Amino acid sequence: MHYLSKDVFFPPVSESDEEGILAIGGDLSSERLKLAYNSGVFPWFNEGEPILWWAPDPRMVLFLDELVVSKSMRNILNRNQFKVTFNQDFAAVMSNCQKIKRDGQNGTWISNQMIDAYCKLHEEGIAKSVEVWQDDVLVGGLYGIDLGHVFCGESMFSKVSNASKTAFISLVNHLKKDNYKLLDCQVYNPHLESLGCREIDRVEFMSILKSK
């Protein structure tokens, strides 16, 4: 594991350990975060602990044409049960992702420090959000980092059934229109798998990431 200094630098992702941890330390400056995502690296750590930088192998991704939308979900989308917007309330989406209770988790890795850092990236047009509204109330959404050809999903939340799925599907449809190559979902979970995401080798992921 590499220990980062003030220099904005990341070692090759091939040097990460078996868990996928590449480096420790550094900061959440916009310059470092932009380098991280363009290098296939992302931060993930608990509040009060040193920053951990990850480059897991395998990598969970969605090839956009492999999106799975169930018949019941199609019906919900066709009924226009929700209103979907993009980049209308980034800070609120991150705040909700931070506060939402998740099964099997006692806390959150989204600290106030993370929110400040990603809001700065949003001001630069790099971090983006999808908002899902019901009766003018924010009930779901997601946020991530937009690299122009790959979107790196970070977190999503849902206060009512199917709101986060609506955000996810809306994002994928948006990315497809703009010919994005991939939606990066970082690490495996069964919910993402149900939407069509799958694990690929890190070498393949890096090849796609670098093919701008």
N, C-alpha and C. Protein backbone atom coordinates (compact mmCIF):
# COMPACT_ATOMS: atom_id res chain seq x y z
N MET A 1 0.85 -1.20 0.00
CA MET A 1 0.00 0.00 0.00
C MET A 1 0.88 1.24 0.00
N HIS A 2 0.53 2.20 -0.81
CA HIS A 2 1.30 3.43 -0.92
C HIS A 2 0.75 4.49 0.03
N TYR A 3 1.64 5.27 0.62
CA TYR A 3 1.25 6.38 1.48
C TYR A 3 1.48 7.68 0.70
N LEU A 4 0.40 8.44 0.53
CA LEU A 4 0.46 9.62 -0.31
C LEU A 4 0.97 10.83 0.46
N SER A 5 1.74 11.65 -0.21
CA SER A 5 2.23 12.91 0.36
C SER A 5 1.39 14.05 -0.21
N LYS A 6 1.91 15.25 -0.13
CA LYS A 6 1.18 16.40 -0.66
C LYS A 6 1.18 16.41 -2.19
N ASP A 7 2.13 15.68 -2.78
CA ASP A 7 2.18 15.61 -4.23
C ASP A 7 0.92 14.91 -4.76
N VAL A 8 0.36 15.45 -5.84
CA VAL A 8 -0.84 14.86 -6.43
C VAL A 8 -0.39 13.75 -7.38
N PHE A 9 -0.48 12.52 -6.90
CA PHE A 9 0.08 11.38 -7.61
C PHE A 9 -0.63 10.11 -7.17
N PHE A 10 -0.79 9.16 -8.10
CA PHE A 10 -1.27 7.83 -7.76
C PHE A 10 -0.40 6.79 -8.45
N PRO A 11 -0.06 5.73 -7.74
CA PRO A 11 0.68 4.64 -8.39
C PRO A 11 -0.23 3.89 -9.36
N PRO A 12 0.32 3.03 -10.20
CA PRO A 12 -0.52 2.23 -11.11
C PRO A 12 -1.51 1.38 -10.33
N VAL A 13 -2.71 1.20 -10.88
CA VAL A 13 -3.75 0.44 -10.18
C VAL A 13 -3.34 -1.00 -9.95
N SER A 14 -2.42 -1.50 -10.75
CA SER A 14 -1.95 -2.88 -10.59
C SER A 14 -1.23 -3.10 -9.26
N GLU A 15 -0.89 -2.02 -8.57
CA GLU A 15 -0.18 -2.13 -7.30
C GLU A 15 -1.11 -2.14 -6.09
N SER A 16 -2.43 -2.18 -6.32
CA SER A 16 -3.37 -2.28 -5.20
C SER A 16 -3.28 -3.66 -4.56
N ASP A 17 -3.71 -3.76 -3.30
CA ASP A 17 -3.64 -5.04 -2.61
C ASP A 17 -4.83 -5.92 -2.97
N GLU A 18 -4.93 -7.08 -2.33
CA GLU A 18 -5.98 -8.04 -2.69
C GLU A 18 -7.38 -7.48 -2.45
N GLU A 19 -7.52 -6.62 -1.47
CA GLU A 19 -8.82 -5.99 -1.19
C GLU A 19 -9.18 -4.92 -2.21
N GLY A 20 -8.19 -4.42 -2.91
CA GLY A 20 -8.40 -3.34 -3.86
C GLY A 20 -7.91 -2.00 -3.38
N ILE A 21 -7.27 -1.95 -2.20
CA ILE A 21 -6.75 -0.68 -1.68
C ILE A 21 -5.42 -0.36 -2.34
N LEU A 22 -5.35 0.81 -2.94
CA LEU A 22 -4.14 1.22 -3.65
C LEU A 22 -3.25 2.13 -2.82
N ALA A 23 -3.87 3.06 -2.08
CA ALA A 23 -3.09 4.06 -1.37
C ALA A 23 -3.87 4.58 -0.17
N ILE A 24 -3.13 5.25 0.71
CA ILE A 24 -3.72 5.83 1.92
C ILE A 24 -3.18 7.25 2.10
N GLY A 25 -4.05 8.15 2.57
CA GLY A 25 -3.60 9.52 2.85
C GLY A 25 -3.95 10.49 1.75
N GLY A 26 -3.19 11.56 1.68
CA GLY A 26 -3.50 12.61 0.71
C GLY A 26 -4.65 13.47 1.17
N ASP A 27 -5.40 14.01 0.22
CA ASP A 27 -6.50 14.91 0.53
C ASP A 27 -7.61 14.72 -0.49
N LEU A 28 -8.67 15.51 -0.34
CA LEU A 28 -9.80 15.44 -1.28
C LEU A 28 -9.86 16.72 -2.12
N SER A 29 -8.72 17.24 -2.49
CA SER A 29 -8.70 18.42 -3.35
C SER A 29 -9.28 18.05 -4.71
N SER A 30 -9.81 19.05 -5.40
CA SER A 30 -10.38 18.80 -6.72
C SER A 30 -9.34 18.22 -7.67
N GLU A 31 -8.13 18.72 -7.59
CA GLU A 31 -7.06 18.24 -8.47
C GLU A 31 -6.80 16.75 -8.24
N ARG A 32 -6.74 16.35 -6.98
CA ARG A 32 -6.46 14.94 -6.68
C ARG A 32 -7.64 14.05 -7.06
N LEU A 33 -8.86 14.51 -6.78
CA LEU A 33 -10.03 13.71 -7.12
C LEU A 33 -10.15 13.51 -8.62
N LYS A 34 -9.90 14.55 -9.40
CA LYS A 34 -9.98 14.42 -10.85
C LYS A 34 -8.93 13.44 -11.37
N LEU A 35 -7.72 13.51 -10.82
CA LEU A 35 -6.68 12.56 -11.21
C LEU A 35 -7.09 11.14 -10.83
N ALA A 36 -7.68 11.01 -9.64
CA ALA A 36 -8.07 9.68 -9.16
C ALA A 36 -9.04 9.02 -10.13
N TYR A 37 -10.14 9.69 -10.45
CA TYR A 37 -11.15 9.07 -11.30
C TYR A 37 -10.62 8.81 -12.71
N ASN A 38 -9.80 9.69 -13.22
CA ASN A 38 -9.21 9.45 -14.53
C ASN A 38 -8.16 8.35 -14.52
N SER A 39 -7.75 7.96 -13.31
CA SER A 39 -6.76 6.88 -13.15
C SER A 39 -7.40 5.57 -12.71
N GLY A 40 -8.75 5.54 -12.63
CA GLY A 40 -9.43 4.32 -12.20
C GLY A 40 -9.44 4.12 -10.70
N VAL A 41 -9.34 5.21 -9.96
CA VAL A 41 -9.21 5.16 -8.49
C VAL A 41 -10.34 5.99 -7.87
N PHE A 42 -10.83 5.56 -6.71
CA PHE A 42 -11.85 6.34 -6.01
C PHE A 42 -11.63 6.25 -4.50
N PRO A 43 -12.05 7.30 -3.75
CA PRO A 43 -11.91 7.28 -2.28
C PRO A 43 -13.11 6.62 -1.63
N TRP A 44 -12.83 5.89 -0.56
CA TRP A 44 -13.89 5.21 0.19
C TRP A 44 -13.33 4.91 1.58
N PHE A 45 -13.85 5.63 2.59
CA PHE A 45 -13.30 5.51 3.93
C PHE A 45 -14.32 6.01 4.94
N ASN A 46 -14.15 5.60 6.18
CA ASN A 46 -15.06 6.03 7.23
C ASN A 46 -14.59 7.36 7.82
N GLU A 47 -15.56 8.15 8.28
CA GLU A 47 -15.24 9.45 8.86
C GLU A 47 -14.31 9.28 10.06
N GLY A 48 -13.32 10.14 10.14
CA GLY A 48 -12.35 10.08 11.23
C GLY A 48 -11.17 9.18 10.96
N GLU A 49 -11.21 8.46 9.84
CA GLU A 49 -10.11 7.58 9.46
C GLU A 49 -9.34 8.19 8.30
N PRO A 50 -8.10 7.73 8.08
CA PRO A 50 -7.35 8.23 6.92
C PRO A 50 -8.08 7.91 5.61
N ILE A 51 -7.84 8.73 4.60
CA ILE A 51 -8.46 8.51 3.29
C ILE A 51 -7.89 7.25 2.66
N LEU A 52 -8.75 6.36 2.22
CA LEU A 52 -8.34 5.16 1.49
C LEU A 52 -8.72 5.32 0.03
N TRP A 53 -7.80 4.94 -0.84
CA TRP A 53 -8.02 5.03 -2.29
C TRP A 53 -8.06 3.63 -2.87
N TRP A 54 -9.10 3.35 -3.64
CA TRP A 54 -9.40 1.99 -4.10
C TRP A 54 -9.31 1.87 -5.61
N ALA A 55 -8.87 0.68 -6.05
CA ALA A 55 -8.89 0.31 -7.47
C ALA A 55 -9.15 -1.19 -7.52
N PRO A 56 -10.38 -1.62 -7.24
CA PRO A 56 -10.68 -3.05 -7.07
C PRO A 56 -10.57 -3.84 -8.37
N ASP A 57 -10.32 -5.11 -8.20
CA ASP A 57 -10.29 -6.06 -9.30
C ASP A 57 -10.99 -7.33 -8.84
N PRO A 58 -12.14 -7.69 -9.45
CA PRO A 58 -12.77 -7.10 -10.62
C PRO A 58 -13.49 -5.79 -10.31
N ARG A 59 -14.02 -5.20 -11.38
CA ARG A 59 -14.74 -3.92 -11.27
C ARG A 59 -16.18 -4.14 -11.71
N MET A 60 -17.12 -3.60 -10.94
CA MET A 60 -18.54 -3.72 -11.28
C MET A 60 -18.91 -2.59 -12.23
N VAL A 61 -19.47 -2.94 -13.39
CA VAL A 61 -19.79 -1.93 -14.40
C VAL A 61 -21.13 -2.27 -15.06
N LEU A 62 -21.65 -1.30 -15.77
CA LEU A 62 -22.80 -1.54 -16.65
C LEU A 62 -22.43 -1.11 -18.05
N PHE A 63 -22.45 -2.06 -18.98
CA PHE A 63 -22.43 -1.72 -20.39
C PHE A 63 -23.86 -1.28 -20.72
N LEU A 64 -24.00 -0.10 -21.24
CA LEU A 64 -25.30 0.56 -21.27
C LEU A 64 -26.38 -0.24 -21.99
N ASP A 65 -25.99 -0.98 -23.00
CA ASP A 65 -26.97 -1.79 -23.74
C ASP A 65 -27.44 -3.01 -22.96
N GLU A 66 -26.81 -3.28 -21.80
CA GLU A 66 -27.16 -4.44 -21.00
C GLU A 66 -28.08 -4.10 -19.83
N LEU A 67 -28.56 -2.86 -19.81
CA LEU A 67 -29.49 -2.45 -18.75
C LEU A 67 -30.72 -3.36 -18.73
N VAL A 68 -31.10 -3.82 -17.55
CA VAL A 68 -32.29 -4.66 -17.38
C VAL A 68 -33.40 -3.83 -16.73
N VAL A 69 -34.51 -3.70 -17.42
CA VAL A 69 -35.67 -2.98 -16.88
C VAL A 69 -36.83 -3.97 -16.83
N SER A 70 -37.29 -4.27 -15.64
CA SER A 70 -38.37 -5.24 -15.48
C SER A 70 -39.67 -4.69 -16.05
N LYS A 71 -40.61 -5.60 -16.32
CA LYS A 71 -41.91 -5.19 -16.84
C LYS A 71 -42.63 -4.26 -15.87
N SER A 72 -42.55 -4.57 -14.57
CA SER A 72 -43.21 -3.72 -13.58
C SER A 72 -42.57 -2.35 -13.52
N MET A 73 -41.24 -2.30 -13.72
CA MET A 73 -40.54 -1.01 -13.71
C MET A 73 -40.90 -0.20 -14.96
N ARG A 74 -41.05 -0.87 -16.08
CA ARG A 74 -41.48 -0.18 -17.30
C ARG A 74 -42.85 0.47 -17.10
N ASN A 75 -43.73 -0.26 -16.43
CA ASN A 75 -45.07 0.28 -16.17
C ASN A 75 -45.01 1.53 -15.31
N ILE A 76 -44.14 1.51 -14.31
CA ILE A 76 -43.98 2.68 -13.43
C ILE A 76 -43.47 3.88 -14.23
N LEU A 77 -42.47 3.64 -15.08
CA LEU A 77 -41.92 4.72 -15.90
C LEU A 77 -42.95 5.26 -16.88
N ASN A 78 -43.74 4.36 -17.46
CA ASN A 78 -44.75 4.78 -18.43
C ASN A 78 -45.88 5.59 -17.79
N ARG A 79 -46.12 5.35 -16.51
CA ARG A 79 -47.17 6.10 -15.81
C ARG A 79 -46.72 7.48 -15.37
N ASN A 80 -45.43 7.76 -15.57
CA ASN A 80 -44.87 9.06 -15.15
C ASN A 80 -45.16 9.35 -13.68
N GLN A 81 -44.93 8.33 -12.87
CA GLN A 81 -45.15 8.46 -11.43
C GLN A 81 -44.18 9.47 -10.81
N PHE A 82 -43.01 9.60 -11.44
CA PHE A 82 -41.98 10.49 -10.93
C PHE A 82 -41.59 11.53 -11.98
N LYS A 83 -41.07 12.65 -11.50
CA LYS A 83 -40.43 13.63 -12.37
C LYS A 83 -38.92 13.52 -12.15
N VAL A 84 -38.17 13.50 -13.24
CA VAL A 84 -36.72 13.33 -13.16
C VAL A 84 -36.04 14.60 -13.68
N THR A 85 -35.05 15.09 -12.92
CA THR A 85 -34.24 16.23 -13.35
C THR A 85 -32.77 15.87 -13.22
N PHE A 86 -31.93 16.67 -13.87
CA PHE A 86 -30.48 16.48 -13.82
C PHE A 86 -29.82 17.74 -13.28
N ASN A 87 -28.97 17.56 -12.29
CA ASN A 87 -28.14 18.66 -11.76
C ASN A 87 -28.94 19.85 -11.25
N GLN A 88 -30.10 19.57 -10.67
CA GLN A 88 -30.92 20.65 -10.12
C GLN A 88 -30.71 20.85 -8.63
N ASP A 89 -30.24 19.82 -7.93
CA ASP A 89 -30.02 19.96 -6.49
C ASP A 89 -28.98 18.94 -6.03
N PHE A 90 -27.76 19.14 -6.51
CA PHE A 90 -26.68 18.20 -6.23
C PHE A 90 -26.45 18.03 -4.73
N ALA A 91 -26.37 19.13 -4.01
CA ALA A 91 -26.08 19.07 -2.57
C ALA A 91 -27.14 18.28 -1.82
N ALA A 92 -28.40 18.45 -2.20
CA ALA A 92 -29.49 17.72 -1.53
C ALA A 92 -29.39 16.22 -1.80
N VAL A 93 -29.01 15.86 -3.02
CA VAL A 93 -28.85 14.43 -3.34
C VAL A 93 -27.74 13.82 -2.49
N MET A 94 -26.60 14.49 -2.42
CA MET A 94 -25.50 13.97 -1.60
C MET A 94 -25.89 13.88 -0.14
N SER A 95 -26.58 14.90 0.36
CA SER A 95 -27.01 14.91 1.75
C SER A 95 -27.94 13.75 2.05
N ASN A 96 -28.86 13.47 1.13
CA ASN A 96 -29.77 12.35 1.32
C ASN A 96 -29.05 11.01 1.25
N CYS A 97 -28.07 10.90 0.35
CA CYS A 97 -27.26 9.68 0.28
C CYS A 97 -26.50 9.46 1.59
N GLN A 98 -26.08 10.56 2.20
CA GLN A 98 -25.37 10.48 3.47
C GLN A 98 -26.28 10.01 4.60
N LYS A 99 -27.52 10.51 4.62
CA LYS A 99 -28.40 10.30 5.77
C LYS A 99 -29.27 9.05 5.68
N ILE A 100 -29.47 8.52 4.47
CA ILE A 100 -30.42 7.42 4.31
C ILE A 100 -29.92 6.18 5.05
N LYS A 101 -30.81 5.47 5.71
CA LYS A 101 -30.44 4.24 6.40
C LYS A 101 -30.37 3.10 5.40
N ARG A 102 -29.32 2.30 5.51
CA ARG A 102 -29.11 1.19 4.59
C ARG A 102 -29.00 -0.11 5.37
N ASP A 103 -29.58 -1.15 4.83
CA ASP A 103 -29.55 -2.46 5.48
C ASP A 103 -28.10 -2.91 5.69
N GLY A 104 -27.80 -3.34 6.91
CA GLY A 104 -26.48 -3.88 7.21
C GLY A 104 -25.41 -2.84 7.44
N GLN A 105 -25.78 -1.56 7.45
CA GLN A 105 -24.80 -0.50 7.68
C GLN A 105 -25.23 0.36 8.87
N ASN A 106 -24.27 0.58 9.78
CA ASN A 106 -24.56 1.39 10.96
C ASN A 106 -24.32 2.88 10.72
N GLY A 107 -23.49 3.17 9.72
CA GLY A 107 -23.17 4.57 9.46
C GLY A 107 -23.02 4.81 7.98
N THR A 108 -22.28 5.86 7.64
CA THR A 108 -22.09 6.21 6.23
C THR A 108 -20.65 6.58 5.99
N TRP A 109 -20.18 6.34 4.77
CA TRP A 109 -18.83 6.76 4.39
C TRP A 109 -18.86 8.17 3.80
N ILE A 110 -20.05 8.73 3.60
CA ILE A 110 -20.15 10.07 3.01
C ILE A 110 -20.07 11.10 4.13
N SER A 111 -18.89 11.58 4.39
CA SER A 111 -18.68 12.56 5.46
C SER A 111 -18.97 13.97 4.94
N ASN A 112 -19.04 14.91 5.86
CA ASN A 112 -19.21 16.32 5.46
C ASN A 112 -18.03 16.78 4.61
N GLN A 113 -16.84 16.24 4.91
CA GLN A 113 -15.65 16.53 4.11
C GLN A 113 -15.84 16.07 2.66
N MET A 114 -16.44 14.89 2.50
CA MET A 114 -16.71 14.37 1.15
C MET A 114 -17.72 15.27 0.43
N ILE A 115 -18.77 15.67 1.15
CA ILE A 115 -19.79 16.52 0.53
C ILE A 115 -19.18 17.82 0.05
N ASP A 116 -18.36 18.45 0.87
CA ASP A 116 -17.71 19.71 0.46
C ASP A 116 -16.86 19.50 -0.79
N ALA A 117 -16.11 18.41 -0.82
CA ALA A 117 -15.20 18.16 -1.94
C ALA A 117 -15.97 17.91 -3.24
N TYR A 118 -17.04 17.13 -3.16
CA TYR A 118 -17.78 16.79 -4.37
C TYR A 118 -18.66 17.95 -4.83
N CYS A 119 -19.10 18.77 -3.90
CA CYS A 119 -19.85 19.98 -4.31
C CYS A 119 -18.94 20.92 -5.10
N LYS A 120 -17.66 20.98 -4.74
CA LYS A 120 -16.72 21.78 -5.51
C LYS A 120 -16.57 21.21 -6.92
N LEU A 121 -16.51 19.88 -7.02
CA LEU A 121 -16.44 19.26 -8.35
C LEU A 121 -17.71 19.50 -9.15
N HIS A 122 -18.84 19.57 -8.45
CA HIS A 122 -20.10 19.87 -9.13
C HIS A 122 -20.06 21.28 -9.70
N GLU A 123 -19.51 22.21 -8.95
CA GLU A 123 -19.40 23.59 -9.43
C GLU A 123 -18.53 23.67 -10.68
N GLU A 124 -17.60 22.72 -10.81
CA GLU A 124 -16.73 22.66 -11.99
C GLU A 124 -17.37 21.88 -13.14
N GLY A 125 -18.57 21.34 -12.91
CA GLY A 125 -19.25 20.60 -13.95
C GLY A 125 -18.80 19.16 -14.10
N ILE A 126 -18.10 18.64 -13.09
CA ILE A 126 -17.55 17.28 -13.17
C ILE A 126 -18.40 16.30 -12.37
N ALA A 127 -18.80 16.67 -11.17
CA ALA A 127 -19.72 15.84 -10.38
C ALA A 127 -21.15 16.21 -10.75
N LYS A 128 -21.98 15.20 -11.00
CA LYS A 128 -23.35 15.45 -11.48
C LYS A 128 -24.36 14.62 -10.71
N SER A 129 -25.60 15.05 -10.77
CA SER A 129 -26.66 14.37 -10.01
C SER A 129 -27.89 14.14 -10.86
N VAL A 130 -28.66 13.16 -10.44
CA VAL A 130 -29.99 12.91 -10.99
C VAL A 130 -30.96 13.02 -9.82
N GLU A 131 -32.02 13.78 -9.98
CA GLU A 131 -33.02 13.94 -8.92
C GLU A 131 -34.34 13.32 -9.35
N VAL A 132 -35.00 12.67 -8.43
CA VAL A 132 -36.32 12.08 -8.68
C VAL A 132 -37.31 12.72 -7.72
N TRP A 133 -38.38 13.28 -8.28
CA TRP A 133 -39.35 14.04 -7.49
C TRP A 133 -40.72 13.37 -7.55
N GLN A 134 -41.44 13.49 -6.46
CA GLN A 134 -42.84 13.07 -6.41
C GLN A 134 -43.62 14.17 -5.69
N ASP A 135 -44.54 14.78 -6.40
CA ASP A 135 -45.30 15.90 -5.84
C ASP A 135 -44.37 16.99 -5.32
N ASP A 136 -43.34 17.29 -6.13
CA ASP A 136 -42.36 18.35 -5.82
C ASP A 136 -41.52 18.06 -4.59
N VAL A 137 -41.49 16.81 -4.15
CA VAL A 137 -40.64 16.40 -3.03
C VAL A 137 -39.54 15.49 -3.57
N LEU A 138 -38.30 15.75 -3.15
CA LEU A 138 -37.17 14.92 -3.58
C LEU A 138 -37.25 13.56 -2.88
N VAL A 139 -37.49 12.52 -3.65
CA VAL A 139 -37.70 11.18 -3.06
C VAL A 139 -36.63 10.18 -3.48
N GLY A 140 -35.73 10.56 -4.37
CA GLY A 140 -34.68 9.65 -4.80
C GLY A 140 -33.67 10.37 -5.65
N GLY A 141 -32.55 9.71 -5.89
CA GLY A 141 -31.54 10.32 -6.74
C GLY A 141 -30.21 9.60 -6.65
N LEU A 142 -29.26 10.08 -7.41
CA LEU A 142 -27.91 9.53 -7.40
C LEU A 142 -26.95 10.63 -7.82
N TYR A 143 -25.65 10.38 -7.56
CA TYR A 143 -24.63 11.32 -8.02
C TYR A 143 -23.38 10.54 -8.40
N GLY A 144 -22.53 11.20 -9.16
CA GLY A 144 -21.29 10.57 -9.58
C GLY A 144 -20.40 11.53 -10.31
N ILE A 145 -19.34 10.99 -10.89
CA ILE A 145 -18.34 11.79 -11.59
C ILE A 145 -18.44 11.52 -13.08
N ASP A 146 -18.53 12.60 -13.85
CA ASP A 146 -18.70 12.51 -15.30
C ASP A 146 -17.35 12.74 -15.98
N LEU A 147 -16.82 11.69 -16.62
CA LEU A 147 -15.54 11.79 -17.31
C LEU A 147 -15.70 12.04 -18.81
N GLY A 148 -16.94 12.18 -19.27
CA GLY A 148 -17.17 12.48 -20.67
C GLY A 148 -17.43 11.27 -21.54
N HIS A 149 -16.87 10.12 -21.17
CA HIS A 149 -17.11 8.87 -21.89
C HIS A 149 -17.47 7.74 -20.93
N VAL A 150 -17.13 7.94 -19.67
CA VAL A 150 -17.47 7.01 -18.58
C VAL A 150 -18.07 7.82 -17.45
N PHE A 151 -19.18 7.34 -16.90
CA PHE A 151 -19.77 7.98 -15.72
C PHE A 151 -19.50 7.08 -14.52
N CYS A 152 -18.90 7.64 -13.49
CA CYS A 152 -18.54 6.88 -12.29
C CYS A 152 -19.60 7.11 -11.22
N GLY A 153 -20.49 6.15 -11.06
CA GLY A 153 -21.54 6.28 -10.06
C GLY A 153 -20.98 6.18 -8.66
N GLU A 154 -21.46 7.02 -7.76
CA GLU A 154 -20.95 7.04 -6.40
C GLU A 154 -21.96 6.49 -5.39
N SER A 155 -23.16 7.02 -5.38
CA SER A 155 -24.15 6.57 -4.40
C SER A 155 -25.54 6.99 -4.88
N MET A 156 -26.56 6.26 -4.40
CA MET A 156 -27.93 6.65 -4.70
C MET A 156 -28.80 6.41 -3.47
N PHE A 157 -29.96 7.05 -3.46
CA PHE A 157 -30.87 6.90 -2.33
C PHE A 157 -32.30 6.83 -2.83
N SER A 158 -33.16 6.30 -1.98
CA SER A 158 -34.58 6.19 -2.32
C SER A 158 -35.40 6.31 -1.05
N LYS A 159 -36.36 7.21 -1.07
CA LYS A 159 -37.27 7.36 0.07
C LYS A 159 -38.62 6.67 -0.18
N VAL A 160 -38.90 6.37 -1.43
CA VAL A 160 -40.10 5.62 -1.79
C VAL A 160 -39.69 4.53 -2.78
N SER A 161 -40.47 3.51 -2.89
CA SER A 161 -40.14 2.38 -3.75
C SER A 161 -39.89 2.83 -5.19
N ASN A 162 -38.81 2.31 -5.76
CA ASN A 162 -38.46 2.47 -7.17
C ASN A 162 -37.92 3.85 -7.55
N ALA A 163 -37.74 4.73 -6.58
CA ALA A 163 -37.22 6.06 -6.91
C ALA A 163 -35.76 6.01 -7.36
N SER A 164 -34.93 5.23 -6.66
CA SER A 164 -33.52 5.14 -7.07
C SER A 164 -33.38 4.39 -8.38
N LYS A 165 -34.23 3.38 -8.61
CA LYS A 165 -34.20 2.68 -9.90
C LYS A 165 -34.55 3.63 -11.03
N THR A 166 -35.51 4.50 -10.78
CA THR A 166 -35.90 5.50 -11.78
C THR A 166 -34.72 6.41 -12.09
N ALA A 167 -34.00 6.83 -11.07
CA ALA A 167 -32.81 7.67 -11.28
C ALA A 167 -31.76 6.94 -12.10
N PHE A 168 -31.53 5.69 -11.76
CA PHE A 168 -30.51 4.89 -12.43
C PHE A 168 -30.86 4.69 -13.91
N ILE A 169 -32.09 4.29 -14.17
CA ILE A 169 -32.52 4.05 -15.55
C ILE A 169 -32.49 5.34 -16.36
N SER A 170 -32.91 6.43 -15.75
CA SER A 170 -32.90 7.73 -16.43
C SER A 170 -31.47 8.14 -16.78
N LEU A 171 -30.55 7.90 -15.86
CA LEU A 171 -29.14 8.22 -16.13
C LEU A 171 -28.63 7.39 -17.30
N VAL A 172 -28.90 6.09 -17.28
CA VAL A 172 -28.40 5.21 -18.35
C VAL A 172 -28.94 5.66 -19.70
N ASN A 173 -30.22 5.98 -19.78
CA ASN A 173 -30.80 6.44 -21.04
C ASN A 173 -30.16 7.74 -21.50
N HIS A 174 -29.84 8.61 -20.56
CA HIS A 174 -29.16 9.87 -20.87
C HIS A 174 -27.76 9.61 -21.41
N LEU A 175 -27.03 8.68 -20.77
CA LEU A 175 -25.67 8.36 -21.20
C LEU A 175 -25.65 7.71 -22.58
N LYS A 176 -26.65 6.87 -22.83
CA LYS A 176 -26.72 6.20 -24.13
C LYS A 176 -26.89 7.21 -25.26
N LYS A 177 -27.70 8.23 -25.03
CA LYS A 177 -27.91 9.25 -26.06
C LYS A 177 -26.61 9.98 -26.41
N ASP A 178 -25.73 10.11 -25.41
CA ASP A 178 -24.47 10.82 -25.62
C ASP A 178 -23.30 9.88 -25.88
N ASN A 179 -23.63 8.62 -26.18
CA ASN A 179 -22.62 7.62 -26.60
C ASN A 179 -21.52 7.36 -25.57
N TYR A 180 -21.90 7.35 -24.30
CA TYR A 180 -20.94 6.95 -23.27
C TYR A 180 -20.62 5.47 -23.42
N LYS A 181 -19.45 5.09 -22.98
CA LYS A 181 -19.01 3.72 -23.15
C LYS A 181 -19.37 2.83 -21.96
N LEU A 182 -19.57 3.44 -20.78
CA LEU A 182 -19.66 2.62 -19.58
C LEU A 182 -20.20 3.42 -18.41
N LEU A 183 -20.91 2.73 -17.53
CA LEU A 183 -21.26 3.28 -16.23
C LEU A 183 -20.49 2.46 -15.19
N ASP A 184 -19.59 3.11 -14.50
CA ASP A 184 -18.77 2.45 -13.48
C ASP A 184 -19.55 2.39 -12.18
N CYS A 185 -19.72 1.18 -11.65
CA CYS A 185 -20.45 0.99 -10.38
C CYS A 185 -19.53 0.50 -9.27
N GLN A 186 -18.24 0.44 -9.54
CA GLN A 186 -17.18 0.19 -8.56
C GLN A 186 -17.14 -1.24 -8.02
N VAL A 187 -18.04 -1.59 -7.11
CA VAL A 187 -17.97 -2.92 -6.49
C VAL A 187 -19.32 -3.62 -6.55
N TYR A 188 -19.27 -4.94 -6.49
CA TYR A 188 -20.48 -5.76 -6.65
C TYR A 188 -21.50 -5.54 -5.54
N ASN A 189 -22.77 -5.46 -5.93
CA ASN A 189 -23.86 -5.72 -4.99
C ASN A 189 -25.03 -6.29 -5.79
N PRO A 190 -25.87 -7.09 -5.16
CA PRO A 190 -26.92 -7.80 -5.89
C PRO A 190 -27.95 -6.88 -6.54
N HIS A 191 -28.20 -5.72 -5.93
CA HIS A 191 -29.16 -4.77 -6.52
C HIS A 191 -28.67 -4.30 -7.88
N LEU A 192 -27.39 -3.97 -7.96
CA LEU A 192 -26.82 -3.53 -9.23
C LEU A 192 -26.84 -4.67 -10.26
N GLU A 193 -26.57 -5.87 -9.79
CA GLU A 193 -26.59 -7.02 -10.70
C GLU A 193 -27.99 -7.20 -11.30
N SER A 194 -29.02 -6.95 -10.51
CA SER A 194 -30.39 -7.10 -11.00
C SER A 194 -30.72 -6.10 -12.10
N LEU A 195 -29.95 -5.01 -12.17
CA LEU A 195 -30.16 -3.98 -13.19
C LEU A 195 -29.30 -4.21 -14.43
N GLY A 196 -28.52 -5.29 -14.43
CA GLY A 196 -27.70 -5.63 -15.59
C GLY A 196 -26.22 -5.39 -15.43
N CYS A 197 -25.80 -4.90 -14.27
CA CYS A 197 -24.37 -4.67 -14.05
C CYS A 197 -23.65 -6.00 -13.87
N ARG A 198 -22.37 -6.01 -14.22
CA ARG A 198 -21.57 -7.22 -14.05
C ARG A 198 -20.11 -6.84 -13.78
N GLU A 199 -19.39 -7.81 -13.28
CA GLU A 199 -17.98 -7.58 -12.97
C GLU A 199 -17.12 -7.86 -14.20
N ILE A 200 -16.13 -7.00 -14.41
CA ILE A 200 -15.16 -7.24 -15.46
C ILE A 200 -13.75 -7.12 -14.86
N ASP A 201 -12.80 -7.66 -15.56
CA ASP A 201 -11.41 -7.58 -15.14
C ASP A 201 -10.95 -6.12 -15.11
N ARG A 202 -10.13 -5.78 -14.13
CA ARG A 202 -9.65 -4.40 -14.01
C ARG A 202 -8.86 -3.96 -15.25
N VAL A 203 -8.15 -4.87 -15.87
CA VAL A 203 -7.40 -4.52 -17.08
C VAL A 203 -8.36 -4.07 -18.18
N GLU A 204 -9.48 -4.78 -18.33
CA GLU A 204 -10.47 -4.38 -19.33
C GLU A 204 -11.08 -3.02 -18.98
N PHE A 205 -11.38 -2.83 -17.69
CA PHE A 205 -11.94 -1.55 -17.26
C PHE A 205 -10.99 -0.40 -17.57
N MET A 206 -9.70 -0.60 -17.26
CA MET A 206 -8.74 0.46 -17.49
C MET A 206 -8.56 0.75 -18.98
N SER A 207 -8.66 -0.28 -19.80
CA SER A 207 -8.56 -0.09 -21.24
C SER A 207 -9.70 0.80 -21.76
N ILE A 208 -10.92 0.56 -21.26
CA ILE A 208 -12.06 1.37 -21.65
C ILE A 208 -11.92 2.80 -21.12
N LEU A 209 -11.47 2.90 -19.86
CA LEU A 209 -11.31 4.22 -19.24
C LEU A 209 -10.32 5.09 -20.01
N LYS A 210 -9.27 4.48 -20.50
CA LYS A 210 -8.21 5.23 -21.18
C LYS A 210 -8.51 5.50 -22.65
N SER A 211 -9.59 4.88 -23.17
CA SER A 211 -9.89 5.01 -24.61
C SER A 211 -10.82 6.18 -24.87
N LYS A 212 -10.36 7.37 -24.57
CA LYS A 212 -11.18 8.57 -24.75
C LYS A 212 -11.27 8.93 -26.24
